[in-house]
């Protein structure tokens, strides 16, 4: 791994960041072990962070950040452009077991413009055309979203991992989310935590992703589902009917769709309802609870799973359905 070879650009509030940094060691340690296991930065739980945001005044979340991780994550530097003048020049440093997290605050009357200038400077210094991780809260600088997206389109070739957020559920950022994905190339991972308002929303989903997560997928219908070709797909809410799930699984078994599918996570009432209302005319096997198998549960992570329901593809590949957390997984093995 080359020094300073990761350039994630984030947009997180400074007070929330301060709280998160207190527990950053375990996360930084995960980054340092990326050679052994990929760091699932797009799947980190943000419930605590989101709760912090809800208590903050809007002016307090107007920050733009650029983060640079050094070799093996031993030193991480975050530069925050903030509209809070009291934070100007403040430097914070957190050290644990040889890992150093350093944060520098820079006051600006126009954090977005300041961020653009620093971003161009850093990209030029490290000769980067691809950002490792890009996080965007689309309802923070709403009036400048298009400008920010256009800036990224002009100065960045692609993004490896991308997270789209909004902090207030009632805000409608559908149009800007669509504009973002029309103009920014995402290579590996996309996580959308947006509260999409329009069930007829037609956001472009990047092709050939390793991971795709959509928190509110009510706009994903059967036809859109067939267009997705990500290896791992996770839906929160969705409006796919029992009939459409039935057709989808039949197509998968016939090798007519999603040939590279490794994992599918989706909401469903119960495993028994899945068997009765979706798999009713599909050949399947209910596996005894005493049978234990090691299956993929996320990225390259595996876990020993008891029982489940199996369906088999015509090439011999098996997909096992089982309950996991608040939903269900279809793990291909």
C-alpha atoms as a PDB file:
ATOM      1  CA  UNK A   1       0.000   0.000   0.000  1.00  0.00           C
ATOM      2  CA  UNK A   2       1.466   3.354  -0.980  1.00  0.00           C
ATOM      3  CA  UNK A   3       1.534   6.273   1.496  1.00  0.00           C
ATOM      4  CA  UNK A   4      -1.486   8.524   1.443  1.00  0.00           C
ATOM      5  CA  UNK A   5      -3.155   6.411  -1.213  1.00  0.00           C
ATOM      6  CA  UNK A   6      -6.670   6.909   0.107  1.00  0.00           C
ATOM      7  CA  UNK A   7      -8.470  10.197  -0.285  1.00  0.00           C
ATOM      8  CA  UNK A   8     -11.991   9.913   1.160  1.00  0.00           C
ATOM      9  CA  UNK A   9     -13.922  13.174   1.006  1.00  0.00           C
ATOM     10  CA  UNK A  10     -16.552  13.473   3.705  1.00  0.00           C
ATOM     11  CA  UNK A  11     -19.177  15.981   4.778  1.00  0.00           C
ATOM     12  CA  UNK A  12     -19.830  15.374   8.455  1.00  0.00           C
ATOM     13  CA  UNK A  13     -20.748  17.850  11.246  1.00  0.00           C
ATOM     14  CA  UNK A  14     -17.858  18.703  13.531  1.00  0.00           C
ATOM     15  CA  UNK A  15     -19.685  17.997  16.802  1.00  0.00           C
ATOM     16  CA  UNK A  16     -20.840  14.634  15.543  1.00  0.00           C
ATOM     17  CA  UNK A  17     -17.315  13.936  14.341  1.00  0.00           C
ATOM     18  CA  UNK A  18     -15.970  14.767  17.803  1.00  0.00           C
ATOM     19  CA  UNK A  19     -18.271  12.188  19.344  1.00  0.00           C
ATOM     20  CA  UNK A  20     -17.426   9.599  16.728  1.00  0.00           C
ATOM     21  CA  UNK A  21     -13.678  10.146  17.086  1.00  0.00           C
ATOM     22  CA  UNK A  22     -13.838   8.992  20.711  1.00  0.00           C
ATOM     23  CA  UNK A  23     -14.548   5.505  19.429  1.00  0.00           C
ATOM     24  CA  UNK A  24     -12.485   5.678  16.270  1.00  0.00           C
ATOM     25  CA  UNK A  25      -9.692   3.294  17.267  1.00  0.00           C
ATOM     26  CA  UNK A  26     -11.568   0.131  16.376  1.00  0.00           C
ATOM     27  CA  UNK A  27     -12.568   1.633  13.039  1.00  0.00           C
ATOM     28  CA  UNK A  28      -9.027   2.805  12.272  1.00  0.00           C
ATOM     29  CA  UNK A  29      -7.749  -0.640  13.197  1.00  0.00           C
ATOM     30  CA  UNK A  30     -10.154  -2.126  10.672  1.00  0.00           C
ATOM     31  CA  UNK A  31      -8.753   0.225   8.041  1.00  0.00           C
ATOM     32  CA  UNK A  32      -5.232  -0.927   8.833  1.00  0.00           C
ATOM     33  CA  UNK A  33      -6.313  -4.529   8.255  1.00  0.00           C
ATOM     34  CA  UNK A  34      -7.803  -3.893   4.811  1.00  0.00           C
ATOM     35  CA  UNK A  35      -5.351  -6.370   3.320  1.00  0.00           C
ATOM     36  CA  UNK A  36      -6.985  -9.112   5.389  1.00  0.00           C
ATOM     37  CA  UNK A  37     -10.571  -7.920   5.275  1.00  0.00           C
ATOM     38  CA  UNK A  38     -12.108  -5.053   3.366  1.00  0.00           C
ATOM     39  CA  UNK A  39     -13.247  -2.213   5.592  1.00  0.00           C
ATOM     40  CA  UNK A  40     -17.058  -1.930   5.200  1.00  0.00           C
ATOM     41  CA  UNK A  41     -17.180   1.835   5.590  1.00  0.00           C
ATOM     42  CA  UNK A  42     -20.506   2.123   3.790  1.00  0.00           C
ATOM     43  CA  UNK A  43     -22.203  -0.261   6.175  1.00  0.00           C
ATOM     44  CA  UNK A  44     -21.259   1.419   9.477  1.00  0.00           C
ATOM     45  CA  UNK A  45     -24.321   2.036  11.705  1.00  0.00           C
ATOM     46  CA  UNK A  46     -25.162   5.741  11.708  1.00  0.00           C
ATOM     47  CA  UNK A  47     -28.111   5.728  14.099  1.00  0.00           C
ATOM     48  CA  UNK A  48     -26.105   7.361  16.884  1.00  0.00           C
ATOM     49  CA  UNK A  49     -24.686   9.980  14.524  1.00  0.00           C
ATOM     50  CA  UNK A  50     -28.125  10.747  13.101  1.00  0.00           C
ATOM     51  CA  UNK A  51     -29.524  11.187  16.620  1.00  0.00           C
ATOM     52  CA  UNK A  52     -26.769  13.703  17.365  1.00  0.00           C
ATOM     53  CA  UNK A  53     -27.612  15.601  14.184  1.00  0.00           C
ATOM     54  CA  UNK A  54     -31.253  15.927  15.216  1.00  0.00           C
ATOM     55  CA  UNK A  55     -30.270  17.915  18.309  1.00  0.00           C
ATOM     56  CA  UNK A  56     -28.104  20.387  16.427  1.00  0.00           C
ATOM     57  CA  UNK A  57     -28.932  23.801  15.032  1.00  0.00           C
ATOM     58  CA  UNK A  58     -28.701  23.912  11.212  1.00  0.00           C
ATOM     59  CA  UNK A  59     -25.746  26.323  11.299  1.00  0.00           C
ATOM     60  CA  UNK A  60     -23.742  23.732  13.244  1.00  0.00           C
ATOM     61  CA  UNK A  61     -23.792  21.158  10.463  1.00  0.00           C
ATOM     62  CA  UNK A  62     -22.412  23.453   7.789  1.00  0.00           C
ATOM     63  CA  UNK A  63     -19.008  21.833   7.435  1.00  0.00           C
ATOM     64  CA  UNK A  64     -17.109  20.373   4.497  1.00  0.00           C
ATOM     65  CA  UNK A  65     -14.266  17.928   5.059  1.00  0.00           C
ATOM     66  CA  UNK A  66     -11.360  16.268   3.313  1.00  0.00           C
ATOM     67  CA  UNK A  67      -9.767  13.242   4.973  1.00  0.00           C
ATOM     68  CA  UNK A  68      -6.394  11.722   4.121  1.00  0.00           C
ATOM     69  CA  UNK A  69      -5.414   8.325   5.483  1.00  0.00           C
ATOM     70  CA  UNK A  70      -1.710   7.541   5.645  1.00  0.00           C
ATOM     71  CA  UNK A  71       0.036   4.200   5.231  1.00  0.00           C
ATOM     72  CA  UNK A  72      -1.978   1.415   6.860  1.00  0.00           C
ATOM     73  CA  UNK A  73      -4.211   4.049   8.435  1.00  0.00           C
ATOM     74  CA  UNK A  74      -1.564   4.811  11.067  1.00  0.00           C
ATOM     75  CA  UNK A  75      -2.094   8.551  10.623  1.00  0.00           C
ATOM     76  CA  UNK A  76      -5.395  10.027   9.477  1.00  0.00           C
ATOM     77  CA  UNK A  77      -5.822  13.751   8.912  1.00  0.00           C
ATOM     78  CA  UNK A  78      -9.187  15.442   8.515  1.00  0.00           C
ATOM     79  CA  UNK A  79      -9.469  19.055   7.382  1.00  0.00           C
ATOM     80  CA  UNK A  80     -12.826  20.637   8.132  1.00  0.00           C
ATOM     81  CA  UNK A  81     -14.007  23.861   6.550  1.00  0.00           C
ATOM     82  CA  UNK A  82     -16.594  25.253   8.938  1.00  0.00           C
ATOM     83  CA  UNK A  83     -18.912  28.253   9.128  1.00  0.00           C
ATOM     84  CA  UNK A  84     -18.406  28.382  12.914  1.00  0.00           C
ATOM     85  CA  UNK A  85     -15.805  31.111  13.488  1.00  0.00           C
ATOM     86  CA  UNK A  86     -15.122  29.889  17.039  1.00  0.00           C
ATOM     87  CA  UNK A  87     -13.615  26.687  15.640  1.00  0.00           C
ATOM     88  CA  UNK A  88     -11.046  28.429  13.434  1.00  0.00           C
ATOM     89  CA  UNK A  89      -7.557  27.038  13.933  1.00  0.00           C
ATOM     90  CA  UNK A  90      -8.614  24.389  16.424  1.00  0.00           C
ATOM     91  CA  UNK A  91      -6.589  21.171  16.236  1.00  0.00           C
ATOM     92  CA  UNK A  92      -7.654  17.925  17.857  1.00  0.00           C
ATOM     93  CA  UNK A  93      -5.617  14.764  18.064  1.00  0.00           C
ATOM     94  CA  UNK A  94      -6.650  11.315  19.186  1.00  0.00           C
ATOM     95  CA  UNK A  95      -4.072   8.569  19.656  1.00  0.00           C
ATOM     96  CA  UNK A  96      -4.543   4.931  20.587  1.00  0.00           C
ATOM     97  CA  UNK A  97      -2.142   2.023  20.148  1.00  0.00           C
ATOM     98  CA  UNK A  98      -0.034   3.922  17.669  1.00  0.00           C
ATOM     99  CA  UNK A  99      -2.957   5.121  15.550  1.00  0.00           C
ATOM    100  CA  UNK A 100      -3.270   8.890  15.251  1.00  0.00           C
ATOM    101  CA  UNK A 101      -6.426  10.763  14.229  1.00  0.00           C
ATOM    102  CA  UNK A 102      -5.787  14.485  13.703  1.00  0.00           C
ATOM    103  CA  UNK A 103      -8.511  17.033  12.938  1.00  0.00           C
ATOM    104  CA  UNK A 104      -7.857  20.609  11.831  1.00  0.00           C
ATOM    105  CA  UNK A 105     -10.642  23.215  11.639  1.00  0.00           C
ATOM    106  CA  UNK A 106     -10.608  26.126   9.202  1.00  0.00           C
ATOM    107  CA  UNK A 107     -13.226  28.869   9.421  1.00  0.00           C
ATOM    108  CA  UNK A 108     -14.650  30.144   6.165  1.00  0.00           C
ATOM    109  CA  UNK A 109     -17.511  32.411   5.236  1.00  0.00           C
ATOM    110  CA  UNK A 110     -18.006  30.076   2.278  1.00  0.00           C
ATOM    111  CA  UNK A 111     -17.090  26.508   3.353  1.00  0.00           C
ATOM    112  CA  UNK A 112     -18.146  25.023   0.023  1.00  0.00           C
ATOM    113  CA  UNK A 113     -15.853  27.229  -2.030  1.00  0.00           C
ATOM    114  CA  UNK A 114     -13.027  26.738   0.448  1.00  0.00           C
ATOM    115  CA  UNK A 115     -13.551  22.974   0.244  1.00  0.00           C
ATOM    116  CA  UNK A 116     -13.372  23.053  -3.551  1.00  0.00           C
ATOM    117  CA  UNK A 117     -10.048  24.885  -3.478  1.00  0.00           C
ATOM    118  CA  UNK A 118      -8.495  22.556  -0.913  1.00  0.00           C
ATOM    119  CA  UNK A 119      -9.886  19.540  -2.744  1.00  0.00           C
ATOM    120  CA  UNK A 120      -8.279  20.601  -6.039  1.00  0.00           C
ATOM    121  CA  UNK A 121      -5.008  21.245  -4.236  1.00  0.00           C
ATOM    122  CA  UNK A 122      -4.954  17.822  -2.540  1.00  0.00           C
ATOM    123  CA  UNK A 123      -6.006  15.964  -5.694  1.00  0.00           C
ATOM    124  CA  UNK A 124      -3.204  17.677  -7.581  1.00  0.00           C
ATOM    125  CA  UNK A 125      -0.547  16.982  -4.943  1.00  0.00           C
ATOM    126  CA  UNK A 126      -1.326  13.271  -4.731  1.00  0.00           C
ATOM    127  CA  UNK A 127      -2.126  12.921  -8.426  1.00  0.00           C
ATOM    128  CA  UNK A 128      -5.489  11.368  -7.673  1.00  0.00           C
ATOM    129  CA  UNK A 129      -8.309  10.940 -10.170  1.00  0.00           C
ATOM    130  CA  UNK A 130     -10.363   8.555  -8.053  1.00  0.00           C
ATOM    131  CA  UNK A 131     -11.699   9.254  -4.563  1.00  0.00           C
ATOM    132  CA  UNK A 132     -11.776   6.256  -2.261  1.00  0.00           C
ATOM    133  CA  UNK A 133     -14.862   7.261  -0.253  1.00  0.00           C
ATOM    134  CA  UNK A 134     -17.278  10.119  -0.909  1.00  0.00           C
ATOM    135  CA  UNK A 135     -20.017  10.964   1.581  1.00  0.00           C
ATOM    136  CA  UNK A 136     -22.651  13.577   0.738  1.00  0.00           C
ATOM    137  CA  UNK A 137     -25.505  14.894   2.865  1.00  0.00           C
ATOM    138  CA  UNK A 138     -27.744  16.277   0.142  1.00  0.00           C
ATOM    139  CA  UNK A 139     -29.912  18.468   2.365  1.00  0.00           C
ATOM    140  CA  UNK A 140     -27.106  20.469   4.012  1.00  0.00           C
ATOM    141  CA  UNK A 141     -26.039  22.735   1.121  1.00  0.00           C
ATOM    142  CA  UNK A 142     -29.137  22.287  -1.028  1.00  0.00           C
ATOM    143  CA  UNK A 143     -28.663  25.476  -3.015  1.00  0.00           C
ATOM    144  CA  UNK A 144     -25.083  24.453  -3.859  1.00  0.00           C
ATOM    145  CA  UNK A 145     -25.612  20.747  -4.590  1.00  0.00           C
ATOM    146  CA  UNK A 146     -25.495  21.193  -8.363  1.00  0.00           C
ATOM    147  CA  UNK A 147     -22.337  23.280  -8.079  1.00  0.00           C
ATOM    148  CA  UNK A 148     -20.666  20.644  -5.880  1.00  0.00           C
ATOM    149  CA  UNK A 149     -21.666  17.817  -8.220  1.00  0.00           C
ATOM    150  CA  UNK A 150     -20.438  19.751 -11.264  1.00  0.00           C
ATOM    151  CA  UNK A 151     -17.144  20.398  -9.458  1.00  0.00           C
ATOM    152  CA  UNK A 152     -16.685  16.691  -8.758  1.00  0.00           C
ATOM    153  CA  UNK A 153     -17.591  15.762 -12.323  1.00  0.00           C
ATOM    154  CA  UNK A 154     -14.926  18.139 -13.640  1.00  0.00           C
ATOM    155  CA  UNK A 155     -12.147  17.217 -11.202  1.00  0.00           C
ATOM    156  CA  UNK A 156     -12.690  13.568 -10.330  1.00  0.00           C
ATOM    157  CA  UNK A 157     -12.776  10.582 -12.694  1.00  0.00           C
ATOM    158  CA  UNK A 158     -14.667   8.251 -10.352  1.00  0.00           C
ATOM    159  CA  UNK A 159     -15.501   7.300  -6.772  1.00  0.00           C
ATOM    160  CA  UNK A 160     -14.849   3.845  -5.330  1.00  0.00           C
ATOM    161  CA  UNK A 161     -17.375   4.031  -2.508  1.00  0.00           C
ATOM    162  CA  UNK A 162     -20.255   6.493  -2.155  1.00  0.00           C
ATOM    163  CA  UNK A 163     -22.759   7.258   0.584  1.00  0.00           C
ATOM    164  CA  UNK A 164     -25.775   9.518  -0.024  1.00  0.00           C
ATOM    165  CA  UNK A 165     -27.484  10.864   3.098  1.00  0.00           C
ATOM    166  CA  UNK A 166     -30.092  13.323   4.245  1.00  0.00           C
ATOM    167  CA  UNK A 167     -30.529  14.389   7.855  1.00  0.00           C
ATOM    168  CA  UNK A 168     -34.172  15.472   7.852  1.00  0.00           C
ATOM    169  CA  UNK A 169     -36.740  12.988   6.567  1.00  0.00           C
ATOM    170  CA  UNK A 170     -39.124  15.639   5.270  1.00  0.00           C
ATOM    171  CA  UNK A 171     -36.532  17.141   2.918  1.00  0.00           C
ATOM    172  CA  UNK A 172     -36.953  16.182  -0.728  1.00  0.00           C
ATOM    173  CA  UNK A 173     -33.563  15.615  -2.392  1.00  0.00           C
ATOM    174  CA  UNK A 174     -34.699  13.161  -5.073  1.00  0.00           C
ATOM    175  CA  UNK A 175     -33.813  15.474  -7.952  1.00  0.00           C
ATOM    176  CA  UNK A 176     -30.288  16.142  -6.685  1.00  0.00           C
ATOM    177  CA  UNK A 177     -29.704  12.446  -5.968  1.00  0.00           C
ATOM    178  CA  UNK A 178     -30.649  11.623  -9.545  1.00  0.00           C
ATOM    179  CA  UNK A 179     -28.390  14.408 -10.851  1.00  0.00           C
ATOM    180  CA  UNK A 180     -25.515  13.124  -8.712  1.00  0.00           C
ATOM    181  CA  UNK A 181     -25.675   9.576 -10.101  1.00  0.00           C
ATOM    182  CA  UNK A 182     -26.101  10.834 -13.648  1.00  0.00           C
ATOM    183  CA  UNK A 183     -22.790  12.682 -13.359  1.00  0.00           C
ATOM    184  CA  UNK A 184     -20.578  10.804 -10.887  1.00  0.00           C
ATOM    185  CA  UNK A 185     -19.182   7.344 -11.689  1.00  0.00           C
ATOM    186  CA  UNK A 186     -19.327   4.971  -8.718  1.00  0.00           C
ATOM    187  CA  UNK A 187     -17.079   1.921  -9.051  1.00  0.00           C
ATOM    188  CA  UNK A 188     -17.629  -0.460  -6.150  1.00  0.00           C
ATOM    189  CA  UNK A 189     -20.105   0.512  -3.438  1.00  0.00           C
ATOM    190  CA  UNK A 190     -23.200   2.697  -3.216  1.00  0.00           C
ATOM    191  CA  UNK A 191     -25.208   3.224  -0.039  1.00  0.00           C
ATOM    192  CA  UNK A 192     -28.337   5.371  -0.256  1.00  0.00           C
ATOM    193  CA  UNK A 193     -29.877   6.470   3.054  1.00  0.00           C
ATOM    194  CA  UNK A 194     -32.270   8.839   1.295  1.00  0.00           C
ATOM    195  CA  UNK A 195     -35.958   9.118   2.164  1.00  0.00           C
ATOM    196  CA  UNK A 196     -37.124   8.983  -1.428  1.00  0.00           C
ATOM    197  CA  UNK A 197     -40.542  10.622  -1.749  1.00  0.00           C
ATOM    198  CA  UNK A 198     -41.631   9.571  -5.233  1.00  0.00           C
ATOM    199  CA  UNK A 199     -42.486   5.900  -5.826  1.00  0.00           C
ATOM    200  CA  UNK A 200     -42.040   6.590  -9.544  1.00  0.00           C
ATOM    201  CA  UNK A 201     -38.530   7.933  -8.934  1.00  0.00           C
ATOM    202  CA  UNK A 202     -36.101   6.700 -11.588  1.00  0.00           C
ATOM    203  CA  UNK A 203     -32.599   7.121 -10.189  1.00  0.00           C
ATOM    204  CA  UNK A 204     -29.765   5.672 -12.246  1.00  0.00           C
ATOM    205  CA  UNK A 205     -28.116   2.754 -10.443  1.00  0.00           C
ATOM    206  CA  UNK A 206     -24.431   2.259 -11.297  1.00  0.00           C
ATOM    207  CA  UNK A 207     -23.480  -0.949 -13.056  1.00  0.00           C
ATOM    208  CA  UNK A 208     -21.146  -3.717 -11.845  1.00  0.00           C
ATOM    209  CA  UNK A 209     -21.132  -2.691  -8.191  1.00  0.00           C
ATOM    210  CA  UNK A 210     -19.809  -4.992  -5.514  1.00  0.00           C
ATOM    211  CA  UNK A 211     -22.341  -3.633  -2.980  1.00  0.00           C
ATOM    212  CA  UNK A 212     -25.614  -1.741  -3.293  1.00  0.00           C
ATOM    213  CA  UNK A 213     -27.709  -0.646  -0.308  1.00  0.00           C
ATOM    214  CA  UNK A 214     -30.954   1.324  -0.640  1.00  0.00           C
ATOM    215  CA  UNK A 215     -32.620   2.238   2.630  1.00  0.00           C
ATOM    216  CA  UNK A 216     -35.959   3.254   1.119  1.00  0.00           C
ATOM    217  CA  UNK A 217     -36.456   1.216  -2.042  1.00  0.00           C
ATOM    218  CA  UNK A 218     -40.200   1.753  -2.534  1.00  0.00           C
ATOM    219  CA  UNK A 219     -39.376   3.087  -6.008  1.00  0.00           C
ATOM    220  CA  UNK A 220     -37.692  -0.213  -6.936  1.00  0.00           C
ATOM    221  CA  UNK A 221     -40.205  -2.307  -8.866  1.00  0.00           C
ATOM    222  CA  UNK A 222     -39.772  -5.604 -10.695  1.00  0.00           C
ATOM    223  CA  UNK A 223     -38.346  -4.096 -13.897  1.00  0.00           C
ATOM    224  CA  UNK A 224     -35.849  -1.976 -11.950  1.00  0.00           C
ATOM    225  CA  UNK A 225     -34.860  -5.016  -9.892  1.00  0.00           C
ATOM    226  CA  UNK A 226     -33.942  -6.870 -13.081  1.00  0.00           C
ATOM    227  CA  UNK A 227     -31.736  -3.948 -14.173  1.00  0.00           C
ATOM    228  CA  UNK A 228     -29.586  -4.166 -11.039  1.00  0.00           C
ATOM    229  CA  UNK A 229     -26.448  -6.240 -11.551  1.00  0.00           C
ATOM    230  CA  UNK A 230     -24.653  -5.672  -8.217  1.00  0.00           C
ATOM    231  CA  UNK A 231     -23.058  -8.689  -6.554  1.00  0.00           C
ATOM    232  CA  UNK A 232     -24.557  -7.812  -3.164  1.00  0.00           C
ATOM    233  CA  UNK A 233     -27.906  -6.033  -2.901  1.00  0.00           C
ATOM    234  CA  UNK A 234     -29.630  -4.787   0.263  1.00  0.00           C
ATOM    235  CA  UNK A 235     -33.081  -3.193   0.379  1.00  0.00           C
ATOM    236  CA  UNK A 236     -34.829  -1.550   3.308  1.00  0.00           C
ATOM    237  CA  UNK A 237     -38.475  -0.955   2.531  1.00  0.00           C
ATOM    238  CA  UNK A 238     -39.570  -2.053  -0.945  1.00  0.00           C
ATOM    239  CA  UNK A 239     -42.779  -2.515  -2.947  1.00  0.00           C
ATOM    240  CA  UNK A 240     -41.870  -5.720  -4.752  1.00  0.00           C
ATOM    241  CA  UNK A 241     -44.889  -8.033  -4.586  1.00  0.00           C
ATOM    242  CA  UNK A 242     -44.897 -11.729  -3.690  1.00  0.00           C
ATOM    243  CA  UNK A 243     -45.663 -12.492  -7.330  1.00  0.00           C
ATOM    244  CA  UNK A 244     -42.670 -10.456  -8.528  1.00  0.00           C
ATOM    245  CA  UNK A 245     -40.311 -12.056  -6.003  1.00  0.00           C
ATOM    246  CA  UNK A 246     -41.583 -15.406  -7.253  1.00  0.00           C
ATOM    247  CA  UNK A 247     -40.800 -14.486 -10.863  1.00  0.00           C
ATOM    248  CA  UNK A 248     -37.409 -13.088  -9.886  1.00  0.00           C
ATOM    249  CA  UNK A 249     -36.301 -16.228  -8.072  1.00  0.00           C
ATOM    250  CA  UNK A 250     -37.493 -18.369 -10.977  1.00  0.00           C
ATOM    251  CA  UNK A 251     -35.407 -16.261 -13.373  1.00  0.00           C
ATOM    252  CA  UNK A 252     -32.391 -16.576 -11.091  1.00  0.00           C
ATOM    253  CA  UNK A 253     -32.789 -20.355 -10.937  1.00  0.00           C
ATOM    254  CA  UNK A 254     -32.995 -20.503 -14.745  1.00  0.00           C
ATOM    255  CA  UNK A 255     -29.858 -18.332 -15.009  1.00  0.00           C
ATOM    256  CA  UNK A 256     -31.807 -15.623 -16.820  1.00  0.00           C
ATOM    257  CA  UNK A 257     -30.834 -12.827 -14.422  1.00  0.00           C
ATOM    258  CA  UNK A 258     -28.326 -11.813 -11.722  1.00  0.00           C
ATOM    259  CA  UNK A 259     -25.706 -14.432 -12.594  1.00  0.00           C
ATOM    260  CA  UNK A 260     -23.156 -12.722 -10.329  1.00  0.00           C
ATOM    261  CA  UNK A 261     -25.481 -12.365  -7.321  1.00  0.00           C
ATOM    262  CA  UNK A 262     -23.759 -13.290  -4.056  1.00  0.00           C
ATOM    263  CA  UNK A 263     -26.131 -11.843  -1.490  1.00  0.00           C
ATOM    264  CA  UNK A 264     -29.620 -10.340  -1.410  1.00  0.00           C
ATOM    265  CA  UNK A 265     -31.027  -8.709   1.745  1.00  0.00           C
ATOM    266  CA  UNK A 266     -34.682  -7.706   1.859  1.00  0.00           C
ATOM    267  CA  UNK A 267     -37.613  -7.174   4.208  1.00  0.00           C
ATOM    268  CA  UNK A 268     -40.205  -9.904   4.599  1.00  0.00           C
ATOM    269  CA  UNK A 269     -42.700 -10.845   7.296  1.00  0.00           C
ATOM    270  CA  UNK A 270     -41.359 -14.312   8.068  1.00  0.00           C
ATOM    271  CA  UNK A 271     -39.477 -17.217   6.545  1.00  0.00           C
ATOM    272  CA  UNK A 272     -42.655 -19.299   6.645  1.00  0.00           C
ATOM    273  CA  UNK A 273     -44.576 -16.626   4.686  1.00  0.00           C
ATOM    274  CA  UNK A 274     -41.751 -16.573   2.152  1.00  0.00           C
ATOM    275  CA  UNK A 275     -42.126 -20.315   1.702  1.00  0.00           C
ATOM    276  CA  UNK A 276     -45.931 -20.194   1.458  1.00  0.00           C
ATOM    277  CA  UNK A 277     -46.485 -17.091  -0.670  1.00  0.00           C
ATOM    278  CA  UNK A 278     -43.310 -16.765  -2.760  1.00  0.00           C
ATOM    279  CA  UNK A 279     -41.783 -20.228  -3.066  1.00  0.00           C
ATOM    280  CA  UNK A 280     -45.099 -22.096  -3.243  1.00  0.00           C
ATOM    281  CA  UNK A 281     -44.525 -23.350  -6.809  1.00  0.00           C
ATOM    282  CA  UNK A 282     -40.726 -23.258  -6.741  1.00  0.00           C
ATOM    283  CA  UNK A 283     -38.757 -26.422  -5.888  1.00  0.00           C
ATOM    284  CA  UNK A 284     -37.185 -25.761  -2.494  1.00  0.00           C
ATOM    285  CA  UNK A 285     -35.866 -27.560   0.563  1.00  0.00           C
ATOM    286  CA  UNK A 286     -36.482 -26.637   4.188  1.00  0.00           C
ATOM    287  CA  UNK A 287     -33.165 -27.358   5.900  1.00  0.00           C
ATOM    288  CA  UNK A 288     -33.205 -28.890   9.369  1.00  0.00           C
ATOM    289  CA  UNK A 289     -32.237 -26.468  12.157  1.00  0.00           C
ATOM    290  CA  UNK A 290     -29.566 -28.918  13.253  1.00  0.00           C
ATOM    291  CA  UNK A 291     -27.707 -28.438   9.971  1.00  0.00           C
ATOM    292  CA  UNK A 292     -24.989 -25.782  10.208  1.00  0.00           C
ATOM    293  CA  UNK A 293     -23.365 -24.164   7.193  1.00  0.00           C
ATOM    294  CA  UNK A 294     -20.947 -21.280   6.767  1.00  0.00           C
ATOM    295  CA  UNK A 295     -22.578 -18.666   4.507  1.00  0.00           C
ATOM    296  CA  UNK A 296     -21.810 -15.131   3.331  1.00  0.00           C
ATOM    297  CA  UNK A 297     -23.659 -12.550   5.430  1.00  0.00           C
ATOM    298  CA  UNK A 298     -21.963  -9.377   4.181  1.00  0.00           C
ATOM    299  CA  UNK A 299     -19.114  -8.553   1.802  1.00  0.00           C
ATOM    300  CA  UNK A 300     -16.595 -11.342   2.413  1.00  0.00           C
ATOM    301  CA  UNK A 301     -17.797 -11.988   5.957  1.00  0.00           C
ATOM    302  CA  UNK A 302     -19.218 -15.431   6.711  1.00  0.00           C
ATOM    303  CA  UNK A 303     -21.178 -16.841   9.616  1.00  0.00           C
ATOM    304  CA  UNK A 304     -22.330 -20.259  10.702  1.00  0.00           C
ATOM    305  CA  UNK A 305     -26.061 -20.467   9.922  1.00  0.00           C
ATOM    306  CA  UNK A 306     -28.553 -23.032  11.182  1.00  0.00           C
ATOM    307  CA  UNK A 307     -31.231 -24.339   8.835  1.00  0.00           C
ATOM    308  CA  UNK A 308     -32.841 -22.072   6.250  1.00  0.00           C
ATOM    309  CA  UNK A 309     -34.592 -22.698   2.947  1.00  0.00           C
ATOM    310  CA  UNK A 310     -32.644 -23.708  -0.164  1.00  0.00           C
ATOM    311  CA  UNK A 311     -33.374 -23.193  -3.839  1.00  0.00           C
ATOM    312  CA  UNK A 312     -31.031 -24.473  -6.534  1.00  0.00           C
ATOM    313  CA  UNK A 313     -29.924 -22.894  -9.815  1.00  0.00           C
ATOM    314  CA  UNK A 314     -29.684 -25.040 -12.951  1.00  0.00           C
ATOM    315  CA  UNK A 315     -25.864 -24.903 -12.781  1.00  0.00           C
ATOM    316  CA  UNK A 316     -25.874 -26.372  -9.267  1.00  0.00           C
ATOM    317  CA  UNK A 317     -25.387 -23.145  -7.309  1.00  0.00           C
ATOM    318  CA  UNK A 318     -27.553 -22.973  -4.175  1.00  0.00           C
ATOM    319  CA  UNK A 319     -29.213 -19.961  -2.560  1.00  0.00           C
ATOM    320  CA  UNK A 320     -30.179 -20.210   1.111  1.00  0.00           C
ATOM    321  CA  UNK A 321     -32.810 -17.946   2.679  1.00  0.00           C
ATOM    322  CA  UNK A 322     -32.482 -17.254   6.393  1.00  0.00           C
ATOM    323  CA  UNK A 323     -33.471 -14.596   8.929  1.00  0.00           C
ATOM    324  CA  UNK A 324     -30.810 -12.034   9.786  1.00  0.00           C
ATOM    325  CA  UNK A 325     -31.352  -9.057  12.093  1.00  0.00           C
ATOM    326  CA  UNK A 326     -34.632  -7.409  11.014  1.00  0.00           C
ATOM    327  CA  UNK A 327     -34.835  -8.909   7.538  1.00  0.00           C
ATOM    328  CA  UNK A 328     -33.880 -11.886   5.438  1.00  0.00           C
ATOM    329  CA  UNK A 329     -30.821 -12.833   3.444  1.00  0.00           C
ATOM    330  CA  UNK A 330     -30.467 -14.900   0.303  1.00  0.00           C
ATOM    331  CA  UNK A 331     -26.883 -16.140   0.365  1.00  0.00           C
ATOM    332  CA  UNK A 332     -25.521 -17.844  -2.737  1.00  0.00           C
ATOM    333  CA  UNK A 333     -23.030 -20.679  -2.312  1.00  0.00           C
END
